């Protein structure tokens, strides 16, 4: 269990927990930052013919190929209703193969196709290009990522607690 975050810490200006000013909302800072992140990724991924969600699925499979749909969903925080149409589109594009698990017909295994494996080499420059677009040292991005992961864990703990 993580210690609670004081409400004051969730604002930039010190206006306090009761502030309803847009610039004081941590959710808006995250949302508007993600708009910029998506814009950078959209440009980089366009050259590979990928959308951002497709790229995320490929990242999971490049780490470990031949996983179940539910394992991909857990890694990406997506439910099967969102993930299944995405995987069907990726299969139609020749990026992945889906098949029933012979050990358990209820489970669907997802594997990279040759095309999906080949895209990995083309995608290897993306993290460095994103870091360059962010205009800050890699150690700052690594620290930010760690802080965001910790924040996500605390928020999920609070939601499920």
N, C-alpha and C. Protein backbone atom coordinates (compact mmCIF):
# COMPACT_ATOMS: atom_id res chain seq x y z
N UNK A 1 0.85 -1.20 0.00
CA UNK A 1 0.00 0.00 0.00
C UNK A 1 0.87 1.24 0.00
N UNK A 2 0.51 2.18 -0.79
CA UNK A 2 1.27 3.42 -0.91
C UNK A 2 0.67 4.48 0.00
N UNK A 3 1.52 5.38 0.54
CA UNK A 3 0.96 6.45 1.37
C UNK A 3 0.10 7.37 0.53
N UNK A 4 -0.95 7.94 1.13
CA UNK A 4 -1.82 8.82 0.34
C UNK A 4 -1.06 10.06 -0.11
N UNK A 5 -1.43 10.54 -1.27
CA UNK A 5 -0.85 11.77 -1.80
C UNK A 5 -1.68 12.93 -1.30
N UNK A 6 -1.04 13.92 -0.65
CA UNK A 6 -1.83 15.07 -0.19
C UNK A 6 -2.50 15.76 -1.37
N UNK A 7 -3.73 16.20 -1.16
CA UNK A 7 -4.47 16.86 -2.24
C UNK A 7 -3.69 18.06 -2.76
N UNK A 8 -2.99 18.76 -1.91
CA UNK A 8 -2.21 19.93 -2.32
C UNK A 8 -1.17 19.55 -3.37
N UNK A 9 -0.63 18.33 -3.29
CA UNK A 9 0.41 17.89 -4.22
C UNK A 9 -0.14 17.67 -5.63
N UNK A 10 -1.44 17.64 -5.80
CA UNK A 10 -2.02 17.40 -7.11
C UNK A 10 -2.23 18.68 -7.91
N UNK A 11 -1.81 19.80 -7.38
CA UNK A 11 -1.96 21.05 -8.12
C UNK A 11 -0.59 21.66 -8.40
N UNK A 12 -0.49 22.38 -9.49
CA UNK A 12 0.77 23.01 -9.87
C UNK A 12 0.99 24.33 -9.13
N UNK A 13 -0.07 25.05 -8.90
CA UNK A 13 0.05 26.43 -8.42
C UNK A 13 -0.09 26.55 -6.92
N UNK A 14 -0.38 25.44 -6.27
CA UNK A 14 -0.60 25.51 -4.84
C UNK A 14 -1.97 26.07 -4.51
N UNK A 15 -2.87 26.09 -5.48
CA UNK A 15 -4.19 26.67 -5.26
C UNK A 15 -5.04 25.81 -4.33
N UNK A 16 -4.63 24.55 -4.11
CA UNK A 16 -5.35 23.72 -3.16
C UNK A 16 -6.28 22.74 -3.82
N UNK A 17 -6.74 21.80 -3.00
CA UNK A 17 -7.57 20.70 -3.50
C UNK A 17 -8.91 21.17 -4.02
N UNK A 18 -9.38 22.31 -3.54
CA UNK A 18 -10.69 22.79 -3.95
C UNK A 18 -10.68 23.54 -5.27
N UNK A 19 -9.52 23.73 -5.85
CA UNK A 19 -9.44 24.51 -7.08
C UNK A 19 -10.07 23.76 -8.24
N UNK A 20 -10.90 24.45 -8.97
CA UNK A 20 -11.48 23.90 -10.19
C UNK A 20 -10.94 24.62 -11.42
N UNK A 21 -9.80 25.30 -11.26
CA UNK A 21 -9.17 25.94 -12.41
C UNK A 21 -8.54 24.86 -13.28
N UNK A 22 -8.74 24.95 -14.59
CA UNK A 22 -8.24 23.95 -15.52
C UNK A 22 -6.75 23.71 -15.34
N UNK A 23 -5.95 24.78 -15.24
CA UNK A 23 -4.51 24.60 -15.14
C UNK A 23 -4.07 23.95 -13.83
N UNK A 24 -4.95 23.83 -12.87
CA UNK A 24 -4.63 23.17 -11.59
C UNK A 24 -4.93 21.68 -11.60
N UNK A 25 -5.52 21.18 -12.66
CA UNK A 25 -5.95 19.77 -12.70
C UNK A 25 -4.83 18.87 -13.23
N UNK A 26 -4.43 17.89 -12.42
CA UNK A 26 -3.41 16.94 -12.86
C UNK A 26 -3.93 16.13 -14.05
N UNK A 27 -5.23 15.85 -14.06
CA UNK A 27 -5.79 15.08 -15.17
C UNK A 27 -5.62 15.82 -16.49
N UNK A 28 -5.78 17.15 -16.48
CA UNK A 28 -5.64 17.91 -17.71
C UNK A 28 -4.18 17.99 -18.14
N UNK A 29 -3.27 18.11 -17.18
CA UNK A 29 -1.84 18.12 -17.52
C UNK A 29 -1.46 16.80 -18.19
N UNK A 30 -1.94 15.68 -17.66
CA UNK A 30 -1.66 14.38 -18.26
C UNK A 30 -2.32 14.25 -19.63
N UNK A 31 -3.58 14.62 -19.72
CA UNK A 31 -4.33 14.53 -20.97
C UNK A 31 -3.67 15.35 -22.07
N UNK A 32 -3.38 16.61 -21.78
CA UNK A 32 -2.83 17.49 -22.82
C UNK A 32 -1.40 17.07 -23.19
N UNK A 33 -0.65 16.52 -22.25
CA UNK A 33 0.67 15.99 -22.56
C UNK A 33 0.53 14.79 -23.48
N UNK A 34 -0.44 13.93 -23.23
CA UNK A 34 -0.65 12.76 -24.08
C UNK A 34 -1.04 13.17 -25.50
N UNK A 35 -1.73 14.30 -25.66
CA UNK A 35 -2.02 14.77 -27.02
C UNK A 35 -0.72 15.02 -27.78
N UNK A 36 0.25 15.64 -27.10
CA UNK A 36 1.55 15.88 -27.72
C UNK A 36 2.31 14.59 -27.99
N UNK A 37 2.25 13.66 -27.05
CA UNK A 37 2.92 12.36 -27.21
C UNK A 37 2.33 11.63 -28.41
N UNK A 38 1.01 11.59 -28.50
CA UNK A 38 0.35 10.90 -29.61
C UNK A 38 0.71 11.55 -30.96
N UNK A 39 0.83 12.86 -30.97
CA UNK A 39 1.18 13.55 -32.21
C UNK A 39 2.57 13.11 -32.68
N UNK A 40 3.52 13.03 -31.76
CA UNK A 40 4.88 12.59 -32.10
C UNK A 40 4.86 11.15 -32.59
N UNK A 41 4.19 10.27 -31.86
CA UNK A 41 4.13 8.86 -32.25
C UNK A 41 3.39 8.68 -33.58
N UNK A 42 2.31 9.41 -33.79
CA UNK A 42 1.55 9.29 -35.03
C UNK A 42 2.46 9.56 -36.24
N UNK A 43 3.28 10.60 -36.14
CA UNK A 43 4.19 10.94 -37.24
C UNK A 43 5.22 9.81 -37.44
N UNK A 44 5.81 9.31 -36.36
CA UNK A 44 6.83 8.27 -36.47
C UNK A 44 6.24 6.94 -36.96
N UNK A 45 5.04 6.63 -36.48
CA UNK A 45 4.43 5.34 -36.82
C UNK A 45 3.82 5.33 -38.21
N UNK A 46 3.47 6.49 -38.72
CA UNK A 46 2.91 6.58 -40.07
C UNK A 46 3.88 5.96 -41.08
N UNK A 47 5.18 6.16 -40.88
CA UNK A 47 6.18 5.61 -41.79
C UNK A 47 6.19 4.08 -41.76
N UNK A 48 5.72 3.50 -40.65
CA UNK A 48 5.66 2.04 -40.53
C UNK A 48 4.28 1.49 -40.88
N UNK A 49 3.33 2.38 -41.14
CA UNK A 49 1.97 1.96 -41.45
C UNK A 49 1.23 1.45 -40.23
N UNK A 50 1.58 1.99 -39.05
CA UNK A 50 0.97 1.54 -37.79
C UNK A 50 0.23 2.66 -37.09
N UNK A 51 -0.79 2.27 -36.33
CA UNK A 51 -1.42 3.18 -35.40
C UNK A 51 -0.74 3.00 -34.04
N UNK A 52 -0.97 3.94 -33.13
CA UNK A 52 -0.38 3.84 -31.80
C UNK A 52 -0.85 2.57 -31.07
N UNK A 53 -2.14 2.23 -31.04
CA UNK A 53 -2.54 0.98 -30.38
C UNK A 53 -1.90 -0.26 -31.01
N UNK A 54 -1.76 -0.27 -32.33
CA UNK A 54 -1.10 -1.41 -32.99
C UNK A 54 0.36 -1.50 -32.54
N UNK A 55 1.02 -0.37 -32.42
CA UNK A 55 2.41 -0.32 -31.96
C UNK A 55 2.51 -0.90 -30.55
N UNK A 56 1.58 -0.55 -29.68
CA UNK A 56 1.60 -1.07 -28.30
C UNK A 56 1.47 -2.59 -28.29
N UNK A 57 0.57 -3.13 -29.11
CA UNK A 57 0.43 -4.59 -29.19
C UNK A 57 1.73 -5.22 -29.68
N UNK A 58 2.33 -4.61 -30.69
CA UNK A 58 3.59 -5.14 -31.21
C UNK A 58 4.69 -5.08 -30.15
N UNK A 59 4.73 -4.02 -29.36
CA UNK A 59 5.72 -3.95 -28.28
C UNK A 59 5.58 -5.14 -27.33
N UNK A 60 4.35 -5.48 -26.99
CA UNK A 60 4.11 -6.64 -26.11
C UNK A 60 4.63 -7.90 -26.78
N UNK A 61 4.30 -8.09 -28.04
CA UNK A 61 4.69 -9.31 -28.76
C UNK A 61 6.18 -9.36 -29.07
N UNK A 62 6.81 -8.22 -29.26
CA UNK A 62 8.26 -8.21 -29.48
C UNK A 62 9.00 -8.62 -28.21
N UNK A 63 8.39 -8.34 -27.05
CA UNK A 63 8.98 -8.80 -25.79
C UNK A 63 8.80 -10.30 -25.61
N UNK A 64 7.60 -10.77 -25.92
CA UNK A 64 7.29 -12.20 -25.75
C UNK A 64 6.19 -12.56 -26.74
N UNK A 65 6.55 -13.36 -27.70
CA UNK A 65 5.62 -13.77 -28.75
C UNK A 65 4.79 -14.95 -28.28
N UNK A 66 3.60 -15.10 -28.87
CA UNK A 66 2.76 -16.26 -28.57
C UNK A 66 2.06 -16.17 -27.23
N UNK A 67 1.50 -15.01 -26.93
CA UNK A 67 0.77 -14.83 -25.67
C UNK A 67 -0.73 -14.80 -25.94
N UNK A 68 -1.50 -14.91 -24.89
CA UNK A 68 -2.96 -14.92 -25.04
C UNK A 68 -3.48 -13.49 -25.17
N UNK A 69 -4.68 -13.40 -25.69
CA UNK A 69 -5.35 -12.10 -25.79
C UNK A 69 -5.48 -11.48 -24.40
N UNK A 70 -5.82 -12.27 -23.41
CA UNK A 70 -5.98 -11.71 -22.06
C UNK A 70 -4.65 -11.21 -21.50
N UNK A 71 -3.54 -11.87 -21.84
CA UNK A 71 -2.24 -11.38 -21.38
C UNK A 71 -1.89 -10.04 -22.03
N UNK A 72 -2.22 -9.89 -23.30
CA UNK A 72 -1.99 -8.61 -23.96
C UNK A 72 -2.87 -7.54 -23.30
N UNK A 73 -4.12 -7.88 -23.05
CA UNK A 73 -5.03 -6.94 -22.40
C UNK A 73 -4.54 -6.49 -21.04
N UNK A 74 -4.00 -7.43 -20.26
CA UNK A 74 -3.46 -7.08 -18.94
C UNK A 74 -2.29 -6.12 -19.06
N UNK A 75 -1.41 -6.37 -20.00
CA UNK A 75 -0.23 -5.52 -20.17
C UNK A 75 -0.63 -4.11 -20.62
N UNK A 76 -1.66 -4.00 -21.47
CA UNK A 76 -2.04 -2.72 -22.05
C UNK A 76 -3.22 -2.05 -21.33
N UNK A 77 -3.74 -2.70 -20.30
CA UNK A 77 -4.90 -2.18 -19.57
C UNK A 77 -6.10 -2.02 -20.50
N UNK A 78 -6.30 -3.01 -21.37
CA UNK A 78 -7.43 -3.00 -22.31
C UNK A 78 -8.31 -4.22 -22.08
N UNK A 79 -9.62 -4.06 -22.23
CA UNK A 79 -10.51 -5.21 -22.12
C UNK A 79 -10.63 -5.89 -23.48
N UNK A 80 -11.16 -7.10 -23.48
CA UNK A 80 -11.21 -7.87 -24.72
C UNK A 80 -12.13 -7.22 -25.75
N UNK A 81 -13.15 -6.49 -25.32
CA UNK A 81 -14.06 -5.83 -26.27
C UNK A 81 -13.32 -4.75 -27.07
N UNK A 82 -12.32 -4.14 -26.48
CA UNK A 82 -11.50 -3.15 -27.18
C UNK A 82 -10.39 -3.82 -27.96
N UNK A 83 -9.80 -4.84 -27.37
CA UNK A 83 -8.63 -5.49 -27.95
C UNK A 83 -8.96 -6.37 -29.15
N UNK A 84 -10.07 -7.10 -29.10
CA UNK A 84 -10.39 -8.04 -30.17
C UNK A 84 -10.50 -7.37 -31.54
N UNK A 85 -11.24 -6.26 -31.71
CA UNK A 85 -11.29 -5.62 -33.03
C UNK A 85 -9.91 -5.13 -33.49
N UNK A 86 -9.11 -4.65 -32.55
CA UNK A 86 -7.76 -4.19 -32.87
C UNK A 86 -6.93 -5.36 -33.40
N UNK A 87 -7.00 -6.50 -32.73
CA UNK A 87 -6.24 -7.68 -33.16
C UNK A 87 -6.74 -8.20 -34.51
N UNK A 88 -8.04 -8.14 -34.74
CA UNK A 88 -8.58 -8.57 -36.04
C UNK A 88 -8.03 -7.69 -37.16
N UNK A 89 -7.97 -6.37 -36.93
CA UNK A 89 -7.42 -5.46 -37.94
C UNK A 89 -5.93 -5.76 -38.17
N UNK A 90 -5.22 -6.04 -37.10
CA UNK A 90 -3.79 -6.34 -37.23
C UNK A 90 -3.56 -7.64 -37.99
N UNK A 91 -4.45 -8.61 -37.79
CA UNK A 91 -4.34 -9.86 -38.53
C UNK A 91 -4.63 -9.62 -40.01
N UNK A 92 -5.64 -8.81 -40.30
CA UNK A 92 -5.98 -8.50 -41.70
C UNK A 92 -4.82 -7.77 -42.39
N UNK A 93 -4.03 -7.03 -41.63
CA UNK A 93 -2.87 -6.32 -42.18
C UNK A 93 -1.64 -7.22 -42.29
N UNK A 94 -1.76 -8.44 -41.80
CA UNK A 94 -0.65 -9.38 -41.88
C UNK A 94 0.43 -9.18 -40.83
N UNK A 95 0.08 -8.50 -39.71
CA UNK A 95 1.06 -8.24 -38.65
C UNK A 95 1.13 -9.37 -37.63
N UNK A 96 0.00 -10.05 -37.42
CA UNK A 96 -0.09 -11.09 -36.40
C UNK A 96 -0.91 -12.26 -36.93
N UNK A 97 -0.87 -13.34 -36.20
CA UNK A 97 -1.75 -14.49 -36.41
C UNK A 97 -2.45 -14.77 -35.08
N UNK A 98 -3.71 -15.11 -35.17
CA UNK A 98 -4.48 -15.51 -33.98
C UNK A 98 -4.94 -16.94 -34.18
N UNK A 99 -4.82 -17.75 -33.12
CA UNK A 99 -5.31 -19.12 -33.21
C UNK A 99 -5.72 -19.59 -31.82
N UNK A 100 -6.61 -20.56 -31.81
CA UNK A 100 -7.04 -21.14 -30.54
C UNK A 100 -5.88 -21.92 -29.92
N UNK A 101 -5.77 -21.84 -28.61
CA UNK A 101 -4.75 -22.59 -27.87
C UNK A 101 -5.15 -24.07 -27.88
N UNK A 102 -4.31 -24.95 -28.42
CA UNK A 102 -4.67 -26.38 -28.45
C UNK A 102 -4.86 -26.97 -27.05
N UNK A 103 -4.19 -26.38 -26.06
CA UNK A 103 -4.31 -26.87 -24.68
C UNK A 103 -5.60 -26.40 -24.01
N UNK A 104 -6.17 -25.30 -24.50
CA UNK A 104 -7.40 -24.75 -23.92
C UNK A 104 -8.09 -23.93 -25.00
N UNK A 105 -9.10 -24.52 -25.62
CA UNK A 105 -9.79 -23.90 -26.76
C UNK A 105 -10.45 -22.55 -26.43
N UNK A 106 -10.63 -22.26 -25.14
CA UNK A 106 -11.24 -20.98 -24.76
C UNK A 106 -10.25 -19.82 -24.94
N UNK A 107 -8.97 -20.13 -24.97
CA UNK A 107 -7.93 -19.10 -25.06
C UNK A 107 -7.49 -18.91 -26.51
N UNK A 108 -7.25 -17.66 -26.87
CA UNK A 108 -6.74 -17.32 -28.20
C UNK A 108 -5.29 -16.86 -28.04
N UNK A 109 -4.40 -17.51 -28.78
CA UNK A 109 -3.00 -17.13 -28.79
C UNK A 109 -2.73 -16.14 -29.92
N UNK A 110 -1.86 -15.21 -29.66
CA UNK A 110 -1.49 -14.19 -30.64
C UNK A 110 0.00 -14.31 -30.88
N UNK A 111 0.36 -14.44 -32.16
CA UNK A 111 1.77 -14.56 -32.54
C UNK A 111 2.09 -13.57 -33.65
N UNK A 112 3.33 -13.14 -33.67
CA UNK A 112 3.78 -12.27 -34.75
C UNK A 112 3.87 -13.03 -36.06
N UNK A 113 3.51 -12.36 -37.13
CA UNK A 113 3.76 -12.90 -38.47
C UNK A 113 5.19 -12.49 -38.84
N UNK A 114 5.66 -12.96 -39.97
CA UNK A 114 6.98 -12.55 -40.45
C UNK A 114 7.03 -11.03 -40.62
N UNK A 115 5.95 -10.46 -41.14
CA UNK A 115 5.89 -9.00 -41.32
C UNK A 115 5.95 -8.28 -39.97
N UNK A 116 5.22 -8.80 -38.98
CA UNK A 116 5.25 -8.20 -37.64
C UNK A 116 6.63 -8.27 -37.00
N UNK A 117 7.32 -9.40 -37.19
CA UNK A 117 8.69 -9.53 -36.66
C UNK A 117 9.63 -8.56 -37.37
N UNK A 118 9.48 -8.43 -38.68
CA UNK A 118 10.36 -7.56 -39.46
C UNK A 118 10.21 -6.09 -39.08
N UNK A 119 9.04 -5.68 -38.65
CA UNK A 119 8.82 -4.27 -38.27
C UNK A 119 9.64 -3.86 -37.06
N UNK A 120 10.04 -4.84 -36.25
CA UNK A 120 10.80 -4.52 -35.04
C UNK A 120 12.07 -3.74 -35.39
N UNK A 121 12.80 -4.20 -36.39
CA UNK A 121 14.04 -3.52 -36.78
C UNK A 121 13.76 -2.08 -37.22
N UNK A 122 12.66 -1.88 -37.92
CA UNK A 122 12.30 -0.54 -38.38
C UNK A 122 11.85 0.36 -37.23
N UNK A 123 11.36 -0.25 -36.15
CA UNK A 123 10.83 0.53 -35.01
C UNK A 123 11.89 0.83 -33.96
N UNK A 124 13.06 0.25 -34.08
CA UNK A 124 14.06 0.40 -33.02
C UNK A 124 14.49 1.84 -32.77
N UNK A 125 14.37 2.70 -33.75
CA UNK A 125 14.78 4.10 -33.57
C UNK A 125 13.70 4.95 -32.89
N UNK A 126 12.50 4.43 -32.77
CA UNK A 126 11.39 5.24 -32.25
C UNK A 126 11.65 5.78 -30.84
N UNK A 127 12.08 4.98 -29.86
CA UNK A 127 12.30 5.56 -28.52
C UNK A 127 13.28 6.74 -28.52
N UNK A 128 14.36 6.62 -29.27
CA UNK A 128 15.33 7.72 -29.32
C UNK A 128 14.73 8.95 -30.00
N UNK A 129 13.91 8.73 -31.03
CA UNK A 129 13.29 9.85 -31.73
C UNK A 129 12.26 10.55 -30.83
N UNK A 130 11.56 9.78 -30.01
CA UNK A 130 10.61 10.38 -29.06
C UNK A 130 11.37 11.19 -28.02
N UNK A 131 12.48 10.65 -27.53
CA UNK A 131 13.29 11.38 -26.55
C UNK A 131 13.81 12.68 -27.15
N UNK A 132 14.23 12.63 -28.40
CA UNK A 132 14.71 13.83 -29.07
C UNK A 132 13.58 14.86 -29.20
N UNK A 133 12.39 14.39 -29.55
CA UNK A 133 11.24 15.29 -29.68
C UNK A 133 10.89 15.92 -28.33
N UNK A 134 11.08 15.16 -27.24
CA UNK A 134 10.77 15.67 -25.90
C UNK A 134 11.78 16.73 -25.47
N UNK A 135 12.95 16.69 -26.07
CA UNK A 135 13.94 17.72 -25.77
C UNK A 135 14.50 17.68 -24.36
N UNK A 136 14.58 16.50 -23.78
CA UNK A 136 15.16 16.39 -22.45
C UNK A 136 16.03 15.14 -22.39
N UNK A 137 16.96 15.11 -21.45
CA UNK A 137 17.87 13.96 -21.36
C UNK A 137 17.12 12.67 -21.06
N UNK A 138 17.70 11.56 -21.52
CA UNK A 138 17.07 10.25 -21.31
C UNK A 138 16.83 9.96 -19.84
N UNK A 139 17.74 10.38 -18.96
CA UNK A 139 17.55 10.10 -17.53
C UNK A 139 16.32 10.82 -16.99
N UNK A 140 16.00 12.00 -17.52
CA UNK A 140 14.79 12.71 -17.10
C UNK A 140 13.54 11.95 -17.55
N UNK A 141 13.56 11.46 -18.78
CA UNK A 141 12.42 10.68 -19.27
C UNK A 141 12.27 9.39 -18.47
N UNK A 142 13.38 8.75 -18.13
CA UNK A 142 13.31 7.51 -17.33
C UNK A 142 12.73 7.81 -15.95
N UNK A 143 13.14 8.93 -15.36
CA UNK A 143 12.61 9.31 -14.05
C UNK A 143 11.11 9.63 -14.15
N UNK A 144 10.72 10.34 -15.19
CA UNK A 144 9.31 10.66 -15.39
C UNK A 144 8.49 9.39 -15.56
N UNK A 145 9.00 8.46 -16.36
CA UNK A 145 8.30 7.19 -16.56
C UNK A 145 8.12 6.46 -15.24
N UNK A 146 9.16 6.40 -14.42
CA UNK A 146 9.06 5.73 -13.12
C UNK A 146 8.04 6.41 -12.22
N UNK A 147 8.01 7.72 -12.23
CA UNK A 147 7.06 8.46 -11.40
C UNK A 147 5.62 8.24 -11.89
N UNK A 148 5.43 8.19 -13.21
CA UNK A 148 4.10 7.95 -13.76
C UNK A 148 3.63 6.52 -13.45
N UNK A 149 4.52 5.55 -13.55
CA UNK A 149 4.16 4.17 -13.21
C UNK A 149 3.77 4.08 -11.74
N UNK A 150 4.51 4.76 -10.87
CA UNK A 150 4.17 4.76 -9.44
C UNK A 150 2.82 5.44 -9.20
N UNK A 151 2.57 6.55 -9.89
CA UNK A 151 1.29 7.24 -9.75
C UNK A 151 0.15 6.33 -10.21
N UNK A 152 0.34 5.66 -11.37
CA UNK A 152 -0.68 4.73 -11.87
C UNK A 152 -0.96 3.65 -10.84
N UNK A 153 0.08 3.08 -10.25
CA UNK A 153 -0.11 2.02 -9.25
C UNK A 153 -0.90 2.54 -8.05
N UNK A 154 -0.57 3.75 -7.59
CA UNK A 154 -1.31 4.31 -6.44
C UNK A 154 -2.77 4.55 -6.80
N UNK A 155 -3.01 5.08 -7.99
CA UNK A 155 -4.39 5.35 -8.41
C UNK A 155 -5.18 4.06 -8.56
N UNK A 156 -4.56 3.03 -9.13
CA UNK A 156 -5.25 1.74 -9.27
C UNK A 156 -5.48 1.09 -7.91
N UNK A 157 -4.51 1.23 -7.00
CA UNK A 157 -4.69 0.72 -5.63
C UNK A 157 -5.86 1.41 -4.95
N UNK A 158 -5.93 2.73 -5.11
CA UNK A 158 -7.01 3.50 -4.48
C UNK A 158 -8.35 3.14 -5.07
N UNK A 159 -8.37 2.86 -6.37
CA UNK A 159 -9.62 2.51 -7.06
C UNK A 159 -10.10 1.14 -6.65
N UNK A 160 -9.16 0.21 -6.45
CA UNK A 160 -9.54 -1.17 -6.11
C UNK A 160 -9.54 -1.40 -4.60
N UNK A 161 -9.14 -0.40 -3.86
CA UNK A 161 -9.00 -0.59 -2.42
C UNK A 161 -10.25 -0.36 -1.65
